[in-house]
Amino acid sequence: MNKKLMYIFAIFIVAAITCISQPKKTTL
């Protein structure tokens, strides 16, 4: 797997967890 793809995927997971943890504060 490409390192760049893994990095972007990791950021996506963190963003998803943050969105679930703070649904009212974070609105994309």
C-alpha atoms as a PDB file:
ATOM      1  CA  MET A   1       0.000   0.000   0.000  1.00  0.00           C
ATOM      2  CA  ASN A   2       1.185   3.510  -0.779  1.00  0.00           C
ATOM      3  CA  LYS A   3       2.400   5.581   2.178  1.00  0.00           C
ATOM      4  CA  LYS A   4       0.501   8.647   0.953  1.00  0.00           C
ATOM      5  CA  LEU A   5      -2.720   6.639   0.703  1.00  0.00           C
ATOM      6  CA  MET A   6      -2.243   5.251   4.227  1.00  0.00           C
ATOM      7  CA  TYR A   7      -1.625   8.786   5.545  1.00  0.00           C
ATOM      8  CA  ILE A   8      -4.814  10.122   3.937  1.00  0.00           C
ATOM      9  CA  PHE A   9      -6.760   7.079   5.173  1.00  0.00           C
ATOM     10  CA  ALA A  10      -5.476   7.645   8.729  1.00  0.00           C
ATOM     11  CA  ILE A  11      -6.604  11.294   8.628  1.00  0.00           C
ATOM     12  CA  PHE A  12     -10.026  10.176   7.340  1.00  0.00           C
ATOM     13  CA  ILE A  13     -10.421   7.748  10.263  1.00  0.00           C
ATOM     14  CA  VAL A  14      -9.416  10.416  12.814  1.00  0.00           C
ATOM     15  CA  ALA A  15     -11.839  12.890  11.219  1.00  0.00           C
ATOM     16  CA  ALA A  16     -14.640  10.308  11.343  1.00  0.00           C
ATOM     17  CA  ILE A  17     -13.968   9.536  15.032  1.00  0.00           C
ATOM     18  CA  THR A  18     -13.906  13.268  15.818  1.00  0.00           C
ATOM     19  CA  CYS A  19     -17.208  13.747  13.975  1.00  0.00           C
ATOM     20  CA  ILE A  20     -18.811  10.898  15.938  1.00  0.00           C
ATOM     21  CA  SER A  21     -17.399  12.162  19.242  1.00  0.00           C
ATOM     22  CA  GLN A  22     -18.480  15.769  18.629  1.00  0.00           C
ATOM     23  CA  PRO A  23     -21.478  15.722  16.249  1.00  0.00           C
ATOM     24  CA  LYS A  24     -22.731  19.170  17.310  1.00  0.00           C
ATOM     25  CA  LYS A  25     -19.370  20.967  17.281  1.00  0.00           C
ATOM     26  CA  THR A  26     -18.021  19.545  14.023  1.00  0.00           C
ATOM     27  CA  THR A  27     -20.171  19.986  10.920  1.00  0.00           C
ATOM     28  CA  LEU A  28     -18.673  19.245   7.509  1.00  0.00           C
END
